[in-house]
């Protein structure tokens, strides 16, 4: 997996918060440095709001040009600082106008970026709820993986958790699992991190079996044991083509996906969770749709979401704000 181009929205309005922003971005920028990637700092202006008497006297076009220069100068200043810290990264910048998530998606889709990174410290007129909404829009609608970073205070990743789907053998699931694993293993190699490959499972219809199905506790236990063995076999088959030299834990946890993932993240100090998101329902046990969003809302660690190969964004490249 090659990461050559990374898009990074930056809030130049809250310069006083820039230290916290780059603390949360440190692992992503360290990763970019290891890949010798191009990182494009993005300032997305969603409204023209004059703040001084001089700005109020400007025409709309002059105000737009003034704001564009101000944002560009702010990004250039940041790049001069970041270039010293991450010398292998090629930094550039762009100023965009319009609805932020639409502008970011249009850019990364049209110019073939490999990754979007966004900090939990990004605000720019938004409340924390609105920030979460922006992240969700990116994760739902971009075909490019999205890395939402948390302010953990670490400049490295020590523990990476990869969630996989072991419900179905269909081609889409298998390809997405492989994409997720590629990202997780690549990051684990860069940071020499502990890697956990995780799947939460349950015996389908267990409550029905014990009531309407008239199965005894022993019969249900034997069925659950067989189901777990089936998951173990699927995990072995999935991982047969992957190799990682570091520490790897394979976890098959019986229970609810959201609850078990949150519990594991909290108890095992996970720094980054890598998961797939798909725009369909019906795959119990897989981190999709509302389940993925619920997990992103509740976990304190960073999250990297990956779409299936061939996913097409619903945002037309010609859309305007």
C-alpha atoms as a PDB file:
ATOM      1  CA  UNK A   1       0.000   0.000   0.000  1.00  0.00           C
ATOM      2  CA  UNK A   2       1.514   3.291  -1.112  1.00  0.00           C
ATOM      3  CA  UNK A   3       0.499   6.626   0.404  1.00  0.00           C
ATOM      4  CA  UNK A   4       1.839   9.439  -1.755  1.00  0.00           C
ATOM      5  CA  UNK A   5      -0.698  12.278  -1.391  1.00  0.00           C
ATOM      6  CA  UNK A   6      -2.372  13.342   1.853  1.00  0.00           C
ATOM      7  CA  UNK A   7      -4.994  16.071   2.284  1.00  0.00           C
ATOM      8  CA  UNK A   8      -4.959  17.829   5.658  1.00  0.00           C
ATOM      9  CA  UNK A   9      -7.621  20.442   6.565  1.00  0.00           C
ATOM     10  CA  UNK A  10      -6.160  23.061   8.929  1.00  0.00           C
ATOM     11  CA  UNK A  11      -7.983  25.734  10.943  1.00  0.00           C
ATOM     12  CA  UNK A  12      -5.925  28.886  10.488  1.00  0.00           C
ATOM     13  CA  UNK A  13      -8.461  30.998  12.411  1.00  0.00           C
ATOM     14  CA  UNK A  14      -7.579  29.419  15.747  1.00  0.00           C
ATOM     15  CA  UNK A  15      -3.823  29.917  15.755  1.00  0.00           C
ATOM     16  CA  UNK A  16      -3.808  29.862  19.560  1.00  0.00           C
ATOM     17  CA  UNK A  17      -4.945  26.240  19.324  1.00  0.00           C
ATOM     18  CA  UNK A  18      -2.407  25.248  16.698  1.00  0.00           C
ATOM     19  CA  UNK A  19      -0.108  23.516  19.188  1.00  0.00           C
ATOM     20  CA  UNK A  20      -2.894  21.141  20.261  1.00  0.00           C
ATOM     21  CA  UNK A  21      -3.777  20.580  16.602  1.00  0.00           C
ATOM     22  CA  UNK A  22      -0.272  19.470  15.682  1.00  0.00           C
ATOM     23  CA  UNK A  23       0.054  17.365  18.818  1.00  0.00           C
ATOM     24  CA  UNK A  24      -2.918  15.340  17.590  1.00  0.00           C
ATOM     25  CA  UNK A  25      -1.511  15.229  14.048  1.00  0.00           C
ATOM     26  CA  UNK A  26       1.998  14.126  15.062  1.00  0.00           C
ATOM     27  CA  UNK A  27       1.521  10.389  14.339  1.00  0.00           C
ATOM     28  CA  UNK A  28      -0.032  11.111  10.925  1.00  0.00           C
ATOM     29  CA  UNK A  29       2.763  13.514   9.998  1.00  0.00           C
ATOM     30  CA  UNK A  30       5.380  11.047  11.236  1.00  0.00           C
ATOM     31  CA  UNK A  31       3.775   8.452   8.984  1.00  0.00           C
ATOM     32  CA  UNK A  32       3.791  10.924   6.056  1.00  0.00           C
ATOM     33  CA  UNK A  33       7.474  11.576   6.709  1.00  0.00           C
ATOM     34  CA  UNK A  34       8.224   7.843   6.552  1.00  0.00           C
ATOM     35  CA  UNK A  35       6.396   7.605   3.210  1.00  0.00           C
ATOM     36  CA  UNK A  36       8.048  10.744   1.762  1.00  0.00           C
ATOM     37  CA  UNK A  37       4.517  11.825   0.960  1.00  0.00           C
ATOM     38  CA  UNK A  38       3.124  15.115  -0.303  1.00  0.00           C
ATOM     39  CA  UNK A  39       0.911  16.732   2.348  1.00  0.00           C
ATOM     40  CA  UNK A  40      -1.483  19.451   1.209  1.00  0.00           C
ATOM     41  CA  UNK A  41      -2.617  21.782   3.983  1.00  0.00           C
ATOM     42  CA  UNK A  42      -6.166  22.930   3.275  1.00  0.00           C
ATOM     43  CA  UNK A  43      -7.984  25.990   4.502  1.00  0.00           C
ATOM     44  CA  UNK A  44     -11.675  25.789   3.639  1.00  0.00           C
ATOM     45  CA  UNK A  45     -13.571  29.066   3.922  1.00  0.00           C
ATOM     46  CA  UNK A  46     -17.315  28.547   4.172  1.00  0.00           C
ATOM     47  CA  UNK A  47     -18.358  32.193   4.625  1.00  0.00           C
ATOM     48  CA  UNK A  48     -17.049  35.685   3.913  1.00  0.00           C
ATOM     49  CA  UNK A  49     -17.377  37.566   7.182  1.00  0.00           C
ATOM     50  CA  UNK A  50     -15.692  40.980   7.401  1.00  0.00           C
ATOM     51  CA  UNK A  51     -14.339  41.694  10.884  1.00  0.00           C
ATOM     52  CA  UNK A  52     -12.751  45.148  10.696  1.00  0.00           C
ATOM     53  CA  UNK A  53     -13.879  48.511   9.286  1.00  0.00           C
ATOM     54  CA  UNK A  54     -11.408  48.108   6.434  1.00  0.00           C
ATOM     55  CA  UNK A  55     -12.839  44.711   5.555  1.00  0.00           C
ATOM     56  CA  UNK A  56     -16.417  46.034   5.656  1.00  0.00           C
ATOM     57  CA  UNK A  57     -15.440  48.612   3.033  1.00  0.00           C
ATOM     58  CA  UNK A  58     -14.292  45.959   0.557  1.00  0.00           C
ATOM     59  CA  UNK A  59     -16.411  44.634  -2.289  1.00  0.00           C
ATOM     60  CA  UNK A  60     -17.278  40.936  -2.149  1.00  0.00           C
ATOM     61  CA  UNK A  61     -14.621  40.084  -4.715  1.00  0.00           C
ATOM     62  CA  UNK A  62     -11.953  42.172  -2.948  1.00  0.00           C
ATOM     63  CA  UNK A  63     -12.925  40.590   0.369  1.00  0.00           C
ATOM     64  CA  UNK A  64     -12.631  37.109  -1.146  1.00  0.00           C
ATOM     65  CA  UNK A  65      -9.139  37.927  -2.459  1.00  0.00           C
ATOM     66  CA  UNK A  66      -8.182  39.402   0.928  1.00  0.00           C
ATOM     67  CA  UNK A  67      -9.369  36.283   2.767  1.00  0.00           C
ATOM     68  CA  UNK A  68      -7.638  34.000   0.274  1.00  0.00           C
ATOM     69  CA  UNK A  69      -4.316  35.819   0.805  1.00  0.00           C
ATOM     70  CA  UNK A  70      -4.736  35.793   4.587  1.00  0.00           C
ATOM     71  CA  UNK A  71      -5.424  32.050   4.603  1.00  0.00           C
ATOM     72  CA  UNK A  72      -2.603  31.337   2.166  1.00  0.00           C
ATOM     73  CA  UNK A  73      -0.123  33.353   4.243  1.00  0.00           C
ATOM     74  CA  UNK A  74      -1.213  31.478   7.382  1.00  0.00           C
ATOM     75  CA  UNK A  75      -0.694  28.098   5.717  1.00  0.00           C
ATOM     76  CA  UNK A  76       2.695  29.158   4.326  1.00  0.00           C
ATOM     77  CA  UNK A  77       3.790  30.130   7.826  1.00  0.00           C
ATOM     78  CA  UNK A  78       2.770  26.736   9.154  1.00  0.00           C
ATOM     79  CA  UNK A  79       4.594  24.963   6.350  1.00  0.00           C
ATOM     80  CA  UNK A  80       7.846  26.786   7.172  1.00  0.00           C
ATOM     81  CA  UNK A  81       7.587  25.389  10.702  1.00  0.00           C
ATOM     82  CA  UNK A  82       6.458  21.889   9.732  1.00  0.00           C
ATOM     83  CA  UNK A  83       9.136  21.529   7.064  1.00  0.00           C
ATOM     84  CA  UNK A  84      11.806  21.591   9.760  1.00  0.00           C
ATOM     85  CA  UNK A  85      10.044  18.934  11.835  1.00  0.00           C
ATOM     86  CA  UNK A  86       9.221  16.593   8.940  1.00  0.00           C
ATOM     87  CA  UNK A  87      11.995  17.067   6.362  1.00  0.00           C
ATOM     88  CA  UNK A  88      10.956  14.114   4.163  1.00  0.00           C
ATOM     89  CA  UNK A  89       7.465  15.530   3.572  1.00  0.00           C
ATOM     90  CA  UNK A  90       6.758  17.730   0.579  1.00  0.00           C
ATOM     91  CA  UNK A  91       4.303  20.329   1.884  1.00  0.00           C
ATOM     92  CA  UNK A  92       2.012  22.472  -0.228  1.00  0.00           C
ATOM     93  CA  UNK A  93      -1.258  24.275   0.449  1.00  0.00           C
ATOM     94  CA  UNK A  94      -4.595  25.224  -1.063  1.00  0.00           C
ATOM     95  CA  UNK A  95      -7.368  27.631  -0.079  1.00  0.00           C
ATOM     96  CA  UNK A  96     -10.864  26.386  -0.940  1.00  0.00           C
ATOM     97  CA  UNK A  97     -14.256  28.103  -0.713  1.00  0.00           C
ATOM     98  CA  UNK A  98     -17.573  26.417   0.043  1.00  0.00           C
ATOM     99  CA  UNK A  99     -19.025  23.685   2.233  1.00  0.00           C
ATOM    100  CA  UNK A 100     -15.942  22.068   3.832  1.00  0.00           C
ATOM    101  CA  UNK A 101     -16.675  18.353   3.390  1.00  0.00           C
ATOM    102  CA  UNK A 102     -17.805  18.857  -0.226  1.00  0.00           C
ATOM    103  CA  UNK A 103     -14.695  20.840  -1.113  1.00  0.00           C
ATOM    104  CA  UNK A 104     -12.379  18.305   0.523  1.00  0.00           C
ATOM    105  CA  UNK A 105     -14.043  15.367  -1.225  1.00  0.00           C
ATOM    106  CA  UNK A 106     -14.029  17.080  -4.601  1.00  0.00           C
ATOM    107  CA  UNK A 107     -10.319  17.829  -4.240  1.00  0.00           C
ATOM    108  CA  UNK A 108      -9.218  14.356  -3.141  1.00  0.00           C
ATOM    109  CA  UNK A 109     -11.369  12.583  -5.714  1.00  0.00           C
ATOM    110  CA  UNK A 110     -10.403  14.785  -8.651  1.00  0.00           C
ATOM    111  CA  UNK A 111      -6.682  14.996  -7.817  1.00  0.00           C
ATOM    112  CA  UNK A 112      -6.350  11.346  -6.723  1.00  0.00           C
ATOM    113  CA  UNK A 113      -5.266  11.714  -3.100  1.00  0.00           C
ATOM    114  CA  UNK A 114      -4.544   8.595  -1.063  1.00  0.00           C
ATOM    115  CA  UNK A 115      -5.575   9.735   2.415  1.00  0.00           C
ATOM    116  CA  UNK A 116      -7.489  12.450   4.283  1.00  0.00           C
ATOM    117  CA  UNK A 117      -6.243  13.373   7.765  1.00  0.00           C
ATOM    118  CA  UNK A 118      -8.350  15.580  10.033  1.00  0.00           C
ATOM    119  CA  UNK A 119      -7.620  16.557  13.622  1.00  0.00           C
ATOM    120  CA  UNK A 120     -10.129  16.434  16.446  1.00  0.00           C
ATOM    121  CA  UNK A 121      -8.933  19.988  17.194  1.00  0.00           C
ATOM    122  CA  UNK A 122     -10.301  21.328  13.890  1.00  0.00           C
ATOM    123  CA  UNK A 123     -13.029  23.878  14.645  1.00  0.00           C
ATOM    124  CA  UNK A 124     -13.386  26.885  12.304  1.00  0.00           C
ATOM    125  CA  UNK A 125     -16.789  28.210  13.415  1.00  0.00           C
ATOM    126  CA  UNK A 126     -17.943  24.690  14.351  1.00  0.00           C
ATOM    127  CA  UNK A 127     -18.986  23.162  17.637  1.00  0.00           C
ATOM    128  CA  UNK A 128     -17.666  19.722  18.542  1.00  0.00           C
ATOM    129  CA  UNK A 129     -20.956  18.227  17.290  1.00  0.00           C
ATOM    130  CA  UNK A 130     -20.538  19.968  13.932  1.00  0.00           C
ATOM    131  CA  UNK A 131     -16.967  18.756  13.711  1.00  0.00           C
ATOM    132  CA  UNK A 132     -18.174  15.227  14.267  1.00  0.00           C
ATOM    133  CA  UNK A 133     -20.700  15.776  11.490  1.00  0.00           C
ATOM    134  CA  UNK A 134     -17.950  16.886   9.115  1.00  0.00           C
ATOM    135  CA  UNK A 135     -15.884  13.803   9.908  1.00  0.00           C
ATOM    136  CA  UNK A 136     -18.902  11.581   9.353  1.00  0.00           C
ATOM    137  CA  UNK A 137     -19.630  13.223   6.001  1.00  0.00           C
ATOM    138  CA  UNK A 138     -16.048  12.530   4.921  1.00  0.00           C
ATOM    139  CA  UNK A 139     -16.160   8.946   6.136  1.00  0.00           C
ATOM    140  CA  UNK A 140     -19.527   8.293   4.482  1.00  0.00           C
ATOM    141  CA  UNK A 141     -18.927   9.966   1.147  1.00  0.00           C
ATOM    142  CA  UNK A 142     -15.227   9.891   0.313  1.00  0.00           C
ATOM    143  CA  UNK A 143     -13.734   6.897  -1.448  1.00  0.00           C
ATOM    144  CA  UNK A 144     -10.397   7.986   0.041  1.00  0.00           C
ATOM    145  CA  UNK A 145      -9.542   6.608   3.514  1.00  0.00           C
ATOM    146  CA  UNK A 146     -10.111   9.088   6.363  1.00  0.00           C
ATOM    147  CA  UNK A 147      -7.852   9.258   9.424  1.00  0.00           C
ATOM    148  CA  UNK A 148      -9.508  11.216  12.252  1.00  0.00           C
ATOM    149  CA  UNK A 149      -6.824  11.897  14.856  1.00  0.00           C
ATOM    150  CA  UNK A 150      -7.357  12.302  18.584  1.00  0.00           C
ATOM    151  CA  UNK A 151      -5.282  14.438  20.915  1.00  0.00           C
ATOM    152  CA  UNK A 152      -3.693  11.558  22.791  1.00  0.00           C
ATOM    153  CA  UNK A 153      -0.479  13.420  23.554  1.00  0.00           C
ATOM    154  CA  UNK A 154       1.624  10.729  21.822  1.00  0.00           C
ATOM    155  CA  UNK A 155       3.697  11.342  18.715  1.00  0.00           C
ATOM    156  CA  UNK A 156       3.666   7.630  17.898  1.00  0.00           C
ATOM    157  CA  UNK A 157       1.238   4.726  17.654  1.00  0.00           C
ATOM    158  CA  UNK A 158       1.955   1.922  20.091  1.00  0.00           C
ATOM    159  CA  UNK A 159      -1.178  -0.178  19.645  1.00  0.00           C
ATOM    160  CA  UNK A 160      -3.206  -0.486  16.431  1.00  0.00           C
ATOM    161  CA  UNK A 161      -6.503  -2.355  16.322  1.00  0.00           C
ATOM    162  CA  UNK A 162      -7.844  -3.670  13.001  1.00  0.00           C
ATOM    163  CA  UNK A 163     -11.482  -4.786  12.880  1.00  0.00           C
ATOM    164  CA  UNK A 164     -12.419  -7.348  10.231  1.00  0.00           C
ATOM    165  CA  UNK A 165     -15.632  -8.889   8.903  1.00  0.00           C
ATOM    166  CA  UNK A 166     -15.818 -12.656   9.276  1.00  0.00           C
ATOM    167  CA  UNK A 167     -19.516 -12.990   8.479  1.00  0.00           C
ATOM    168  CA  UNK A 168     -19.316 -13.620   4.759  1.00  0.00           C
ATOM    169  CA  UNK A 169     -16.919 -14.975   2.131  1.00  0.00           C
ATOM    170  CA  UNK A 170     -18.296 -12.706  -0.589  1.00  0.00           C
ATOM    171  CA  UNK A 171     -15.794 -10.877  -2.760  1.00  0.00           C
ATOM    172  CA  UNK A 172     -16.592  -7.362  -1.534  1.00  0.00           C
ATOM    173  CA  UNK A 173     -16.065  -8.301   2.108  1.00  0.00           C
ATOM    174  CA  UNK A 174     -12.862 -10.176   1.374  1.00  0.00           C
ATOM    175  CA  UNK A 175     -11.396  -7.299  -0.634  1.00  0.00           C
ATOM    176  CA  UNK A 176     -12.355  -4.766   2.022  1.00  0.00           C
ATOM    177  CA  UNK A 177     -10.843  -6.912   4.777  1.00  0.00           C
ATOM    178  CA  UNK A 178      -7.602  -7.049   2.802  1.00  0.00           C
ATOM    179  CA  UNK A 179      -7.594  -3.280   2.283  1.00  0.00           C
ATOM    180  CA  UNK A 180      -8.150  -2.740   6.019  1.00  0.00           C
ATOM    181  CA  UNK A 181      -5.375  -5.168   6.915  1.00  0.00           C
ATOM    182  CA  UNK A 182      -2.987  -3.553   4.426  1.00  0.00           C
ATOM    183  CA  UNK A 183      -3.483  -0.161   6.043  1.00  0.00           C
ATOM    184  CA  UNK A 184      -3.187  -1.532   9.567  1.00  0.00           C
ATOM    185  CA  UNK A 185      -0.054  -3.572   8.870  1.00  0.00           C
ATOM    186  CA  UNK A 186       1.584  -0.717   6.962  1.00  0.00           C
ATOM    187  CA  UNK A 187       1.059   1.624   9.908  1.00  0.00           C
ATOM    188  CA  UNK A 188       2.178  -1.008  12.417  1.00  0.00           C
ATOM    189  CA  UNK A 189       5.399  -1.508  10.431  1.00  0.00           C
ATOM    190  CA  UNK A 190       6.135   2.224  10.418  1.00  0.00           C
ATOM    191  CA  UNK A 191       5.610   2.602  14.166  1.00  0.00           C
ATOM    192  CA  UNK A 192       6.747  -0.886  15.237  1.00  0.00           C
ATOM    193  CA  UNK A 193       3.365  -1.078  16.976  1.00  0.00           C
ATOM    194  CA  UNK A 194       1.503  -3.899  18.603  1.00  0.00           C
ATOM    195  CA  UNK A 195      -1.197  -5.089  16.200  1.00  0.00           C
ATOM    196  CA  UNK A 196      -4.554  -6.505  17.259  1.00  0.00           C
ATOM    197  CA  UNK A 197      -6.853  -8.058  14.656  1.00  0.00           C
ATOM    198  CA  UNK A 198     -10.344  -8.093  16.121  1.00  0.00           C
ATOM    199  CA  UNK A 199     -13.756  -9.499  15.301  1.00  0.00           C
ATOM    200  CA  UNK A 200     -16.849  -9.461  17.515  1.00  0.00           C
ATOM    201  CA  UNK A 201     -19.275 -12.292  16.835  1.00  0.00           C
ATOM    202  CA  UNK A 202     -22.403 -13.869  18.249  1.00  0.00           C
ATOM    203  CA  UNK A 203     -24.516 -16.937  17.539  1.00  0.00           C
ATOM    204  CA  UNK A 204     -27.215 -15.692  15.196  1.00  0.00           C
ATOM    205  CA  UNK A 205     -30.701 -16.121  16.642  1.00  0.00           C
ATOM    206  CA  UNK A 206     -29.472 -17.379  20.009  1.00  0.00           C
ATOM    207  CA  UNK A 207     -32.421 -15.941  21.934  1.00  0.00           C
ATOM    208  CA  UNK A 208     -34.833 -17.503  19.405  1.00  0.00           C
ATOM    209  CA  UNK A 209     -33.131 -20.870  19.685  1.00  0.00           C
ATOM    210  CA  UNK A 210     -33.636 -20.975  23.438  1.00  0.00           C
ATOM    211  CA  UNK A 211     -37.325 -20.089  23.227  1.00  0.00           C
ATOM    212  CA  UNK A 212     -39.149 -20.814  19.994  1.00  0.00           C
ATOM    213  CA  UNK A 213     -36.387 -23.080  18.731  1.00  0.00           C
ATOM    214  CA  UNK A 214     -36.655 -25.207  21.883  1.00  0.00           C
ATOM    215  CA  UNK A 215     -32.906 -25.835  22.011  1.00  0.00           C
ATOM    216  CA  UNK A 216     -31.346 -26.883  25.303  1.00  0.00           C
ATOM    217  CA  UNK A 217     -28.484 -24.855  26.850  1.00  0.00           C
ATOM    218  CA  UNK A 218     -26.064 -27.637  25.883  1.00  0.00           C
ATOM    219  CA  UNK A 219     -27.244 -27.642  22.274  1.00  0.00           C
ATOM    220  CA  UNK A 220     -26.886 -23.857  22.082  1.00  0.00           C
ATOM    221  CA  UNK A 221     -23.419 -24.009  23.662  1.00  0.00           C
ATOM    222  CA  UNK A 222     -22.311 -26.605  21.097  1.00  0.00           C
ATOM    223  CA  UNK A 223     -23.673 -24.460  18.264  1.00  0.00           C
ATOM    224  CA  UNK A 224     -21.821 -21.432  19.640  1.00  0.00           C
ATOM    225  CA  UNK A 225     -18.617 -23.465  19.894  1.00  0.00           C
ATOM    226  CA  UNK A 226     -18.970 -24.546  16.265  1.00  0.00           C
ATOM    227  CA  UNK A 227     -19.635 -20.952  15.220  1.00  0.00           C
ATOM    228  CA  UNK A 228     -16.494 -19.751  17.005  1.00  0.00           C
ATOM    229  CA  UNK A 229     -14.437 -22.458  15.299  1.00  0.00           C
ATOM    230  CA  UNK A 230     -15.844 -21.345  11.961  1.00  0.00           C
ATOM    231  CA  UNK A 231     -14.722 -17.770  12.709  1.00  0.00           C
ATOM    232  CA  UNK A 232     -11.269 -19.001  13.678  1.00  0.00           C
ATOM    233  CA  UNK A 233     -10.985 -20.866  10.373  1.00  0.00           C
ATOM    234  CA  UNK A 234     -12.068 -17.765   8.450  1.00  0.00           C
ATOM    235  CA  UNK A 235      -9.543 -15.630  10.357  1.00  0.00           C
ATOM    236  CA  UNK A 236      -6.747 -18.092   9.549  1.00  0.00           C
ATOM    237  CA  UNK A 237      -7.681 -18.112   5.868  1.00  0.00           C
ATOM    238  CA  UNK A 238      -7.880 -14.308   5.726  1.00  0.00           C
ATOM    239  CA  UNK A 239      -4.467 -13.813   7.351  1.00  0.00           C
ATOM    240  CA  UNK A 240      -2.675 -16.496   5.347  1.00  0.00           C
ATOM    241  CA  UNK A 241      -1.416 -13.982   2.777  1.00  0.00           C
ATOM    242  CA  UNK A 242      -0.311 -11.347   5.320  1.00  0.00           C
ATOM    243  CA  UNK A 243       2.858 -11.123   7.385  1.00  0.00           C
ATOM    244  CA  UNK A 244       3.897  -8.835  10.223  1.00  0.00           C
ATOM    245  CA  UNK A 245       7.123  -9.239  12.193  1.00  0.00           C
ATOM    246  CA  UNK A 246       5.880  -7.462  15.302  1.00  0.00           C
ATOM    247  CA  UNK A 247       3.524  -8.562  18.054  1.00  0.00           C
ATOM    248  CA  UNK A 248       0.087  -9.645  16.782  1.00  0.00           C
ATOM    249  CA  UNK A 249      -2.965 -10.623  18.829  1.00  0.00           C
ATOM    250  CA  UNK A 250      -5.943 -12.286  17.153  1.00  0.00           C
ATOM    251  CA  UNK A 251      -9.137 -11.622  19.099  1.00  0.00           C
ATOM    252  CA  UNK A 252     -12.487 -13.303  18.473  1.00  0.00           C
ATOM    253  CA  UNK A 253     -14.776 -11.772  21.070  1.00  0.00           C
ATOM    254  CA  UNK A 254     -18.303 -12.980  21.597  1.00  0.00           C
ATOM    255  CA  UNK A 255     -20.747 -10.127  22.076  1.00  0.00           C
ATOM    256  CA  UNK A 256     -22.157  -6.906  20.651  1.00  0.00           C
ATOM    257  CA  UNK A 257     -19.797  -5.214  18.172  1.00  0.00           C
ATOM    258  CA  UNK A 258     -20.069  -1.678  19.556  1.00  0.00           C
ATOM    259  CA  UNK A 259     -19.808  -2.708  23.186  1.00  0.00           C
ATOM    260  CA  UNK A 260     -16.905  -5.102  22.697  1.00  0.00           C
ATOM    261  CA  UNK A 261     -14.858  -2.734  20.538  1.00  0.00           C
ATOM    262  CA  UNK A 262     -15.313   0.147  22.978  1.00  0.00           C
ATOM    263  CA  UNK A 263     -14.427  -2.092  25.899  1.00  0.00           C
ATOM    264  CA  UNK A 264     -11.295  -3.394  24.187  1.00  0.00           C
ATOM    265  CA  UNK A 265     -10.112   0.095  23.148  1.00  0.00           C
ATOM    266  CA  UNK A 266     -10.533   1.365  26.704  1.00  0.00           C
ATOM    267  CA  UNK A 267      -8.950  -1.614  28.463  1.00  0.00           C
ATOM    268  CA  UNK A 268      -5.996  -2.095  26.115  1.00  0.00           C
ATOM    269  CA  UNK A 269      -4.911   1.482  25.395  1.00  0.00           C
ATOM    270  CA  UNK A 270      -5.545   1.347  21.658  1.00  0.00           C
ATOM    271  CA  UNK A 271      -4.098   4.372  19.814  1.00  0.00           C
ATOM    272  CA  UNK A 272      -5.725   3.790  16.429  1.00  0.00           C
ATOM    273  CA  UNK A 273      -8.631   1.679  15.234  1.00  0.00           C
ATOM    274  CA  UNK A 274      -8.764   0.749  11.534  1.00  0.00           C
ATOM    275  CA  UNK A 275     -12.196  -0.242  10.255  1.00  0.00           C
ATOM    276  CA  UNK A 276     -14.236  -0.587   7.111  1.00  0.00           C
ATOM    277  CA  UNK A 277     -17.321   1.433   6.266  1.00  0.00           C
ATOM    278  CA  UNK A 278     -19.790   0.351   3.627  1.00  0.00           C
ATOM    279  CA  UNK A 279     -23.023   1.939   2.474  1.00  0.00           C
ATOM    280  CA  UNK A 280     -25.327  -1.007   3.006  1.00  0.00           C
ATOM    281  CA  UNK A 281     -26.797  -2.877   5.927  1.00  0.00           C
ATOM    282  CA  UNK A 282     -27.389  -6.444   6.913  1.00  0.00           C
ATOM    283  CA  UNK A 283     -23.894  -7.606   7.849  1.00  0.00           C
ATOM    284  CA  UNK A 284     -24.188  -8.236  11.568  1.00  0.00           C
ATOM    285  CA  UNK A 285     -20.869  -8.171  13.385  1.00  0.00           C
ATOM    286  CA  UNK A 286     -19.196  -5.809  10.945  1.00  0.00           C
ATOM    287  CA  UNK A 287     -18.362  -2.198  11.619  1.00  0.00           C
ATOM    288  CA  UNK A 288     -20.678  -0.502   9.145  1.00  0.00           C
ATOM    289  CA  UNK A 289     -23.106   2.382   8.893  1.00  0.00           C
ATOM    290  CA  UNK A 290     -24.537   3.486  12.220  1.00  0.00           C
ATOM    291  CA  UNK A 291     -22.308   1.044  14.083  1.00  0.00           C
ATOM    292  CA  UNK A 292     -19.143   2.663  12.741  1.00  0.00           C
ATOM    293  CA  UNK A 293     -20.445   6.134  13.528  1.00  0.00           C
ATOM    294  CA  UNK A 294     -21.431   5.131  17.050  1.00  0.00           C
ATOM    295  CA  UNK A 295     -17.949   3.763  17.642  1.00  0.00           C
ATOM    296  CA  UNK A 296     -16.284   6.897  16.242  1.00  0.00           C
ATOM    297  CA  UNK A 297     -18.431   9.026  18.539  1.00  0.00           C
ATOM    298  CA  UNK A 298     -17.571   7.017  21.635  1.00  0.00           C
ATOM    299  CA  UNK A 299     -13.943   5.872  21.372  1.00  0.00           C
ATOM    300  CA  UNK A 300     -11.206   8.207  22.556  1.00  0.00           C
ATOM    301  CA  UNK A 301      -8.561   6.954  20.155  1.00  0.00           C
ATOM    302  CA  UNK A 302      -7.926   7.899  16.534  1.00  0.00           C
ATOM    303  CA  UNK A 303      -9.869   6.134  13.772  1.00  0.00           C
ATOM    304  CA  UNK A 304      -8.989   5.267  10.183  1.00  0.00           C
ATOM    305  CA  UNK A 305     -11.917   4.264   7.968  1.00  0.00           C
ATOM    306  CA  UNK A 306     -11.580   2.473   4.647  1.00  0.00           C
ATOM    307  CA  UNK A 307     -14.088   2.061   1.826  1.00  0.00           C
ATOM    308  CA  UNK A 308     -14.469  -0.970  -0.451  1.00  0.00           C
ATOM    309  CA  UNK A 309     -12.613  -0.921  -3.742  1.00  0.00           C
ATOM    310  CA  UNK A 310     -14.781   0.615  -6.423  1.00  0.00           C
ATOM    311  CA  UNK A 311     -16.820   2.784  -4.071  1.00  0.00           C
ATOM    312  CA  UNK A 312     -18.004   5.923  -5.893  1.00  0.00           C
ATOM    313  CA  UNK A 313     -18.589   9.135  -3.987  1.00  0.00           C
ATOM    314  CA  UNK A 314     -22.114  10.604  -4.216  1.00  0.00           C
ATOM    315  CA  UNK A 315     -20.507  14.055  -4.375  1.00  0.00           C
ATOM    316  CA  UNK A 316     -20.287  15.063  -8.046  1.00  0.00           C
ATOM    317  CA  UNK A 317     -16.952  16.590  -8.954  1.00  0.00           C
ATOM    318  CA  UNK A 318     -18.748  19.556 -10.445  1.00  0.00           C
ATOM    319  CA  UNK A 319     -20.813  20.295  -7.325  1.00  0.00           C
ATOM    320  CA  UNK A 320     -20.608  23.774  -5.927  1.00  0.00           C
ATOM    321  CA  UNK A 321     -21.262  24.942  -2.409  1.00  0.00           C
END
